[in-house]
Protein backbone atom coordinates (compact mmCIF):
# COMPACT_ATOMS: atom_id res chain seq x y z
CA UNK A 1 -37.81 -5.23 83.63
CA UNK A 2 -38.22 -3.46 86.95
CA UNK A 3 -41.60 -1.96 87.71
CA UNK A 4 -42.47 1.06 89.78
CA UNK A 5 -44.40 0.29 92.96
CA UNK A 6 -48.06 0.82 92.25
CA UNK A 7 -49.32 1.54 95.74
CA UNK A 8 -49.02 5.36 95.56
CA UNK A 9 -51.16 5.55 92.43
CA UNK A 10 -53.78 3.16 93.77
CA UNK A 11 -53.82 4.97 97.10
CA UNK A 12 -54.40 8.25 95.30
CA UNK A 13 -57.31 6.85 93.37
CA UNK A 14 -58.82 5.39 96.51
CA UNK A 15 -58.32 8.62 98.43
CA UNK A 16 -59.49 10.63 95.44
CA UNK A 17 -63.08 9.45 95.54
CA UNK A 18 -65.01 12.67 95.16
CA UNK A 19 -67.76 12.74 97.77
CA UNK A 20 -70.22 14.98 96.04
CA UNK A 21 -72.71 14.54 98.84
CA UNK A 22 -71.65 15.23 102.40
CA UNK A 23 -73.26 14.02 105.58
CA UNK A 24 -76.92 14.85 105.75
CA UNK A 25 -79.94 13.42 104.09
CA UNK A 26 -81.66 14.25 100.91
CA UNK A 27 -85.27 14.06 100.23
CA UNK A 28 -87.54 14.91 97.38
CA UNK A 29 -86.59 16.45 94.07
CA UNK A 30 -86.48 19.98 95.50
CA UNK A 31 -83.79 19.31 98.13
CA UNK A 32 -80.30 20.59 97.50
CA UNK A 33 -77.41 18.15 97.73
CA UNK A 34 -74.70 19.49 100.06
CA UNK A 35 -71.16 19.25 98.76
CA UNK A 36 -67.72 20.70 99.42
CA UNK A 37 -68.17 22.96 96.41
CA UNK A 38 -71.63 24.30 97.10
CA UNK A 39 -75.10 22.79 96.94
CA UNK A 40 -76.32 20.90 93.89
CA UNK A 41 -80.02 21.03 93.11
CA UNK A 42 -81.43 17.72 91.85
CA UNK A 43 -83.51 17.90 88.70
CA UNK A 44 -85.09 14.46 88.93
CA UNK A 45 -87.77 13.23 91.30
CA UNK A 46 -85.24 10.89 92.90
CA UNK A 47 -83.49 13.67 94.82
CA UNK A 48 -80.03 13.30 96.31
CA UNK A 49 -77.81 10.32 95.49
CA UNK A 50 -76.63 10.39 99.10
CA UNK A 51 -79.80 8.79 100.39
CA UNK A 52 -79.18 5.72 98.20
CA UNK A 53 -75.44 5.42 98.73
CA UNK A 54 -74.26 2.16 100.28
CA UNK A 55 -77.67 0.44 99.94
CA UNK A 56 -76.82 -2.37 97.61
CA UNK A 57 -80.03 -4.03 96.41
CA UNK A 58 -80.40 -3.65 92.65
CA UNK A 59 -83.32 -1.23 92.63
CA UNK A 60 -81.67 1.16 95.08
CA UNK A 61 -78.42 1.02 93.13
CA UNK A 62 -80.36 2.07 90.03
CA UNK A 63 -81.71 5.07 91.92
CA UNK A 64 -78.19 5.95 93.04
CA UNK A 65 -76.92 5.69 89.46
CA UNK A 66 -79.59 7.94 87.99
CA UNK A 67 -79.39 10.58 90.72
CA UNK A 68 -75.58 10.59 90.75
CA UNK A 69 -75.46 11.22 87.00
CA UNK A 70 -77.97 14.03 87.46
CA UNK A 71 -75.60 15.67 89.93
CA UNK A 72 -72.17 15.32 88.28
CA UNK A 73 -72.48 14.31 84.62
CA UNK A 74 -71.26 17.04 82.26
CA UNK A 75 -74.30 16.52 80.00
CA UNK A 76 -76.85 15.74 82.74
CA UNK A 77 -79.51 17.85 80.98
CA UNK A 78 -79.29 15.76 77.80
CA UNK A 79 -79.85 12.38 79.44
CA UNK A 80 -82.76 10.51 77.86
CA UNK A 81 -84.46 8.49 80.58
CA UNK A 82 -84.97 4.79 80.05
CA UNK A 83 -87.12 2.40 82.04
CA UNK A 84 -84.85 1.09 84.83
CA UNK A 85 -86.98 -2.06 85.07
CA UNK A 86 -85.59 -3.14 81.69
CA UNK A 87 -82.11 -3.63 83.15
CA UNK A 88 -80.90 -6.39 85.44
CA UNK A 89 -77.47 -4.91 86.18
CA UNK A 90 -75.98 -1.49 86.86
CA UNK A 91 -73.40 -1.24 84.03
CA UNK A 92 -76.08 -1.75 81.37
CA UNK A 93 -78.35 0.81 83.00
CA UNK A 94 -75.50 3.31 83.39
CA UNK A 95 -74.46 2.93 79.75
CA UNK A 96 -78.06 3.34 78.55
CA UNK A 97 -78.21 6.75 80.24
CA UNK A 98 -75.05 8.17 78.65
CA UNK A 99 -75.32 10.79 75.92
CA UNK A 100 -74.62 8.98 72.65
CA UNK A 101 -75.57 11.64 70.12
CA UNK A 102 -72.93 11.75 67.36
CA UNK A 103 -70.09 14.23 67.53
CA UNK A 104 -68.48 15.85 64.48
CA UNK A 105 -66.68 12.61 63.62
CA UNK A 106 -69.84 10.52 63.89
CA UNK A 107 -68.75 8.80 67.09
CA UNK A 108 -70.98 8.89 70.18
CA UNK A 109 -70.17 12.09 72.07
CA UNK A 110 -69.58 10.15 75.27
CA UNK A 111 -67.39 7.16 74.52
CA UNK A 112 -65.33 7.67 77.67
CA UNK A 113 -67.58 7.25 80.73
CA UNK A 114 -67.42 3.88 82.43
CA UNK A 115 -68.63 1.86 85.38
CA UNK A 116 -66.89 -1.35 86.39
CA UNK A 117 -66.05 -3.35 89.50
CA UNK A 118 -63.84 -1.27 91.79
CA UNK A 119 -61.32 -4.10 91.97
CA UNK A 120 -61.13 -4.24 88.18
CA UNK A 121 -60.60 -0.48 88.02
CA UNK A 122 -57.57 -0.87 90.28
CA UNK A 123 -56.24 -3.75 88.18
CA UNK A 124 -56.56 -1.76 84.95
CA UNK A 125 -54.75 1.21 86.44
CA UNK A 126 -52.06 -1.13 87.72
CA UNK A 127 -51.56 -2.63 84.27
CA UNK A 128 -51.55 0.72 82.49
CA UNK A 129 -49.14 2.20 85.02
CA UNK A 130 -46.39 -0.30 84.18
CA UNK A 131 -43.48 1.60 82.64
CA UNK A 132 -42.78 1.30 78.95
CA UNK A 133 -39.85 -0.72 77.65
CA UNK A 134 -38.86 0.72 74.29
CA UNK A 135 -37.74 -1.04 71.13
CA UNK A 136 -37.69 -4.71 72.06
CA UNK A 137 -35.87 -4.39 75.33
CA UNK A 138 -33.57 -1.41 74.80
CA UNK A 139 -33.02 0.36 78.14
CA UNK A 140 -35.41 -2.08 79.82
CA UNK A 141 -33.96 -1.15 83.20
CA UNK A 142 -35.54 2.33 83.04
CA UNK A 143 -38.48 3.02 85.26
CA UNK A 144 -38.44 6.77 84.83
CA UNK A 145 -41.35 8.55 83.14
CA UNK A 146 -38.60 10.51 81.36
CA UNK A 147 -36.15 7.82 80.19
CA UNK A 148 -34.27 9.87 77.58
CA UNK A 149 -32.91 13.44 77.77
CA UNK A 150 -30.28 14.64 75.34
CA UNK A 151 -28.97 17.62 73.39
CA UNK A 152 -28.43 17.23 69.64
CA UNK A 153 -27.46 19.51 66.79
CA UNK A 154 -29.81 19.84 63.82
CA UNK A 155 -28.41 19.51 60.28
CA UNK A 156 -28.65 23.30 60.07
CA UNK A 157 -26.64 23.77 63.24
CA UNK A 158 -29.37 24.52 65.81
CA UNK A 159 -28.86 23.22 69.35
CA UNK A 160 -31.96 21.19 70.23
CA UNK A 161 -33.02 19.46 73.41
CA UNK A 162 -34.93 16.16 73.27
CA UNK A 163 -37.10 14.80 76.09
CA UNK A 164 -38.93 11.51 75.85
CA UNK A 165 -41.88 11.85 78.24
CA UNK A 166 -43.94 8.68 78.63
CA UNK A 167 -46.38 9.08 81.55
CA UNK A 168 -47.90 11.75 83.79
CA UNK A 169 -47.51 9.49 86.82
CA UNK A 170 -46.33 10.12 90.38
CA UNK A 171 -42.66 11.05 90.23
CA UNK A 172 -42.88 12.33 86.65
CA UNK A 173 -42.78 15.98 87.70
CA UNK A 174 -39.49 15.45 89.55
CA UNK A 175 -38.09 13.61 86.51
CA UNK A 176 -39.15 16.46 84.23
CA UNK A 177 -37.61 19.15 86.42
CA UNK A 178 -34.29 17.28 86.35
CA UNK A 179 -34.56 16.92 82.57
CA UNK A 180 -35.35 20.59 81.96
CA UNK A 181 -32.48 21.62 84.26
CA UNK A 182 -30.16 19.59 82.07
CA UNK A 183 -31.43 21.25 78.90
CA UNK A 184 -31.34 24.73 80.41
CA UNK A 185 -27.70 24.16 81.33
CA UNK A 186 -27.10 23.05 77.74
CA UNK A 187 -28.36 26.38 76.36
CA UNK A 188 -30.74 24.75 73.88
CA UNK A 189 -32.38 26.87 71.19
CA UNK A 190 -35.29 24.48 70.55
CA UNK A 191 -37.06 21.59 72.25
CA UNK A 192 -38.39 18.30 70.86
CA UNK A 193 -40.89 16.86 73.35
CA UNK A 194 -41.72 13.25 72.51
CA UNK A 195 -45.28 12.49 73.67
CA UNK A 196 -46.09 9.71 71.20
CA UNK A 197 -46.24 7.08 73.98
CA UNK A 198 -47.87 9.30 76.62
CA UNK A 199 -51.54 8.49 77.32
CA UNK A 200 -51.89 11.04 80.12
CA UNK A 201 -52.27 10.98 83.87
CA UNK A 202 -52.03 13.70 86.51
CA UNK A 203 -52.84 17.20 85.26
CA UNK A 204 -50.43 18.94 87.66
CA UNK A 205 -47.55 17.23 85.82
CA UNK A 206 -48.76 18.66 82.50
CA UNK A 207 -49.01 22.10 84.12
CA UNK A 208 -45.37 21.89 85.25
CA UNK A 209 -44.15 20.62 81.88
CA UNK A 210 -45.82 23.46 79.99
CA UNK A 211 -44.55 26.02 82.51
CA UNK A 212 -40.96 24.88 81.97
CA UNK A 213 -41.25 25.30 78.19
CA UNK A 214 -42.36 28.92 78.64
CA UNK A 215 -40.75 31.81 80.51
CA UNK A 216 -41.55 34.62 82.96
CA UNK A 217 -44.05 36.29 80.60
CA UNK A 218 -46.42 33.32 81.07
CA UNK A 219 -46.57 33.72 84.86
CA UNK A 220 -50.17 33.60 86.10
CA UNK A 221 -51.75 32.98 82.70
CA UNK A 222 -54.36 30.22 82.35
CA UNK A 223 -52.93 26.81 81.49
CA UNK A 224 -56.21 24.91 81.74
CA UNK A 225 -59.64 25.69 83.15
CA UNK A 226 -61.89 22.79 84.14
CA UNK A 227 -65.50 23.40 83.15
CA UNK A 228 -68.07 21.40 85.12
CA UNK A 229 -71.82 21.30 84.52
CA UNK A 230 -73.91 24.37 85.31
CA UNK A 231 -74.94 22.96 88.68
CA UNK A 232 -71.35 23.30 89.88
CA UNK A 233 -70.26 26.87 89.09
CA UNK A 234 -68.22 27.16 92.27
CA UNK A 235 -66.19 24.11 91.26
CA UNK A 236 -65.59 25.53 87.79
CA UNK A 237 -64.57 28.86 89.30
CA UNK A 238 -62.04 27.23 91.62
CA UNK A 239 -60.61 24.75 89.10
CA UNK A 240 -58.11 26.75 87.07
CA UNK A 241 -54.50 25.69 86.55
CA UNK A 242 -52.06 28.55 85.91
CA UNK A 243 -48.63 28.75 84.34
CA UNK A 244 -46.08 29.26 87.08
CA UNK A 245 -42.32 29.57 87.50
CA UNK A 246 -42.44 27.52 90.71
CA UNK A 247 -43.57 24.05 91.79
CA UNK A 248 -47.32 24.32 92.49
CA UNK A 249 -47.96 20.73 93.61
CA UNK A 250 -45.39 18.68 95.45
CA UNK A 251 -44.79 15.44 93.58
CA UNK A 252 -45.27 12.03 95.15
CA UNK A 253 -42.57 9.52 94.36
CA UNK A 254 -42.71 5.73 94.82
CA UNK A 255 -40.12 6.01 97.62
CA UNK A 256 -41.88 8.93 99.28
CA UNK A 257 -38.79 11.12 98.82
CA UNK A 258 -39.54 14.38 97.04
CA UNK A 259 -36.68 16.09 95.21
CA UNK A 260 -38.34 19.43 94.55
CA UNK A 261 -40.55 20.80 97.34
CA UNK A 262 -43.47 23.18 96.91
CA UNK A 263 -42.26 26.58 95.70
CA UNK A 264 -39.02 25.32 94.13
CA UNK A 265 -38.10 27.51 91.13
CA UNK A 266 -38.68 25.70 87.86
CA UNK A 267 -36.08 25.71 85.08
CA UNK A 268 -37.70 27.59 82.20
CA UNK A 269 -36.48 27.43 78.62
CA UNK A 270 -38.46 30.55 77.63
CA UNK A 271 -39.14 29.20 74.14
CA UNK A 272 -41.52 30.79 71.62
CA UNK A 273 -42.08 27.41 69.99
CA UNK A 274 -41.84 23.70 70.77
CA UNK A 275 -41.80 20.57 68.59
CA UNK A 276 -44.09 17.81 69.90
CA UNK A 277 -43.98 14.25 68.56
CA UNK A 278 -47.49 12.78 68.58
CA UNK A 279 -49.46 9.62 67.85
CA UNK A 280 -52.97 8.26 68.35
CA UNK A 281 -51.99 7.42 71.93
CA UNK A 282 -50.95 10.98 72.77
CA UNK A 283 -53.91 11.58 75.00
CA UNK A 284 -55.61 13.61 77.71
CA UNK A 285 -53.04 15.39 79.91
CA UNK A 286 -50.57 15.17 77.02
CA UNK A 287 -53.08 17.02 74.87
CA UNK A 288 -53.42 19.56 77.70
CA UNK A 289 -49.75 20.50 77.20
CA UNK A 290 -50.37 21.17 73.51
CA UNK A 291 -53.66 23.00 74.02
CA UNK A 292 -52.46 24.99 77.03
CA UNK A 293 -49.37 26.29 75.24
CA UNK A 294 -51.37 27.22 72.15
CA UNK A 295 -53.71 29.16 74.43
CA UNK A 296 -50.91 31.61 75.27
CA UNK A 297 -49.59 31.76 71.68
CA UNK A 298 -46.61 29.45 72.01
CA UNK A 299 -46.16 27.85 68.59
CA UNK A 300 -46.65 24.09 68.98
CA UNK A 301 -45.41 22.24 65.91
CA UNK A 302 -46.80 18.69 65.94
CA UNK A 303 -44.91 15.96 64.11
CA UNK A 304 -46.48 12.52 63.67
CA UNK A 305 -50.15 11.59 63.80
CA UNK A 306 -53.44 12.96 65.16
CA UNK A 307 -53.79 12.72 68.95
CA UNK A 308 -56.50 10.69 70.66
CA UNK A 309 -58.99 13.55 71.26
CA UNK A 310 -59.89 13.57 74.96
CA UNK A 311 -60.53 16.99 76.51
CA UNK A 312 -62.59 15.45 79.31
CA UNK A 313 -61.87 14.33 82.87
CA UNK A 314 -63.36 12.33 85.69
CA UNK A 315 -63.32 11.54 89.38
CA UNK A 316 -63.78 8.03 90.71
CA UNK A 317 -66.88 7.35 92.81
CA UNK A 318 -67.25 3.97 94.48
CA UNK A 319 -70.60 2.52 95.52
CA UNK A 320 -71.54 -1.06 96.34
CA UNK A 321 -68.37 -2.50 94.85
CA UNK A 322 -68.60 -0.53 91.60
CA UNK A 323 -66.39 2.34 90.44
CA UNK A 324 -68.24 5.08 88.53
CA UNK A 325 -66.40 7.31 86.05
CA UNK A 326 -68.91 9.62 84.33
CA UNK A 327 -67.46 12.52 82.34
CA UNK A 328 -67.49 15.47 84.76
CA UNK A 329 -65.52 18.29 83.16
CA UNK A 330 -64.00 19.58 79.95
CA UNK A 331 -60.65 21.32 79.94
CA UNK A 332 -60.19 24.58 78.01
CA UNK A 333 -57.16 26.81 77.47
CA UNK A 334 -56.69 30.56 78.03
CA UNK A 335 -58.62 31.25 74.82
CA UNK A 336 -61.54 29.11 75.99
CA UNK A 337 -60.78 26.36 73.47
CA UNK A 338 -61.13 22.69 74.35
CA UNK A 339 -63.05 21.24 71.43
CA UNK A 340 -60.65 18.66 70.07
CA UNK A 341 -62.67 15.47 70.39
CA UNK A 342 -61.50 14.50 66.89
CA UNK A 343 -57.91 14.80 68.10
CA UNK A 344 -55.32 17.48 67.48
CA UNK A 345 -54.06 17.14 63.92
CA UNK A 346 -50.32 17.17 63.23
CA UNK A 347 -48.58 20.08 61.58
CA UNK A 348 -46.58 17.51 59.60
CA UNK A 349 -48.09 14.05 59.26
CA UNK A 350 -45.10 11.72 59.39
CA UNK A 351 -45.38 7.95 59.43
CA UNK A 352 -43.65 6.31 62.38
CA UNK A 353 -41.24 3.41 62.04
CA UNK A 354 -41.51 0.80 64.77
CA UNK A 355 -38.21 -0.80 63.81
CA UNK A 356 -35.95 2.09 64.82
CA UNK A 357 -34.98 3.71 68.08
CA UNK A 358 -37.33 6.54 69.01
CA UNK A 359 -34.56 8.83 70.24
CA UNK A 360 -32.35 8.50 67.15
CA UNK A 361 -32.35 11.87 65.29
CA UNK A 362 -31.19 10.23 62.07
CA UNK A 363 -33.27 7.03 62.02
CA UNK A 364 -36.50 8.04 63.77
CA UNK A 365 -38.70 9.72 61.11
CA UNK A 366 -40.59 11.85 63.66
CA UNK A 367 -37.45 13.16 65.37
CA UNK A 368 -35.79 13.71 62.00
CA UNK A 369 -38.92 15.51 60.78
CA UNK A 370 -38.83 17.88 63.75
CA UNK A 371 -35.19 18.76 63.07
CA UNK A 372 -35.98 19.37 59.39
CA UNK A 373 -38.82 21.74 60.26
CA UNK A 374 -36.57 23.40 62.82
CA UNK A 375 -34.07 24.28 60.09
CA UNK A 376 -36.38 24.97 57.15
CA UNK A 377 -39.73 26.04 58.60
CA UNK A 378 -41.48 23.40 56.49
CA UNK A 379 -42.53 19.77 56.69
CA UNK A 380 -39.98 17.22 55.43
CA UNK A 381 -40.09 16.40 51.73
CA UNK A 382 -42.33 13.45 50.99
CA UNK A 383 -44.52 13.99 54.05
CA UNK A 384 -47.88 15.70 54.27
CA UNK A 385 -49.58 18.35 56.35
CA UNK A 386 -52.23 17.54 58.93
CA UNK A 387 -54.97 17.92 56.31
CA UNK A 388 -54.37 14.48 54.81
CA UNK A 389 -55.79 11.18 56.04
CA UNK A 390 -52.68 9.01 55.83
CA UNK A 391 -52.43 6.77 58.89
CA UNK A 392 -49.17 6.25 60.73
CA UNK A 393 -47.83 3.02 62.16
CA UNK A 394 -48.66 1.96 65.69
CA UNK A 395 -46.34 3.38 68.35
CA UNK A 396 -43.66 1.11 69.74
CA UNK A 397 -44.61 -1.03 72.73
CA UNK A 398 -42.99 -3.72 74.82
CA UNK A 399 -42.64 -7.11 73.07
CA UNK A 400 -45.64 -8.38 75.03
CA UNK A 401 -47.59 -5.15 74.51
CA UNK A 402 -48.53 -2.57 77.12
CA UNK A 403 -52.18 -1.86 77.95
CA UNK A 404 -53.19 1.69 77.25
CA UNK A 405 -54.32 3.79 80.18
CA UNK A 406 -58.12 3.39 80.41
CA UNK A 407 -60.02 6.38 79.03
CA UNK A 408 -61.35 7.31 82.46
CA UNK A 409 -57.86 7.46 83.96
CA UNK A 410 -56.19 9.76 81.47
CA UNK A 411 -56.84 13.14 83.10
CA UNK A 412 -56.49 12.76 86.83
CA UNK A 413 -56.77 15.22 89.71
CA UNK A 414 -55.24 14.89 93.14
CA UNK A 415 -57.77 14.87 96.01
CA UNK A 416 -56.66 18.38 97.01
CA UNK A 417 -57.48 19.64 93.52
CA UNK A 418 -61.09 18.50 93.53
């Protein structure tokens, strides 16, 4: 199986290190930390993280860790301090500072933040970025994030487009534009968007996908607003993604050749509803598509299983050979909703079948379920609504398995968007 070159993604992560402290010192607890998005006032006696950055003895690294969390962590004001002398390494100290109070599901509220060797962070992204080979080798030559696009007819005679969308990676926006152009030319009446394998990635790709499902009436409405902690109001104010009929961010392809430059008109299906196929690995930026569309009253009919439940995002910060990924923001839609840490429940809970081809409208139970709902307005007979607790099968992977995108890499921003 051919693999996409990984250098563009790794380069973006390296270039995307968010320098929250610019040149200039920091002193006591009352000094403000300069940043590109306005000053941040420390609330611990340690002061600015900048004064500790790049000094790599253990005790200074602990000071960096605590002060950095105070500056950027979404829940900085709920951190319970622990004695740093009790820890002989930075990951253990970092993890001890995270907010672990239970959420509605009983899980620790922050089960996403991470710190790990910077080299390991790159390796994990590299592994998770490998393209998916579906159904024991079928179409194993595909490297596209959008390997399947087709038009089918439902049993009731409706003309439906199907897009299998597997990763919000570099090049995915170009692939999606080509796919939506094909469906627009096919005069489809409905869309089935298959996100069951899609663990997320770049948010600008999700913004484009949602914009192509909608039409001109969505122009300028909020797709997703990133909400940072209350020390960073200027960053929150400037971090809003809008629905648009044109390319807002020029894609970056592995070859460096961009098909659709900035400002290119997007094909828009102008649909009042969309059918989304989901699983437990439908995560992060994929959930943004669902939540963003629901925020402007597009009906999103989910077929499959509950999504992973990750409304949060991060920026990578490297220091002394470690990569820090504390939760920095929560995404909300035009209605201000972003509280889906338990996942987004399906409209129709349909059990997947790992032995059949995902794109087959007759054999694939999720695809077939979407077509049934399309015709009847109801879940397929023998299935249940999202209120039940039945668990679906695991989504299809390569024969050797494909590592999931790490939690901290599921909702990514380009450097220019930070």
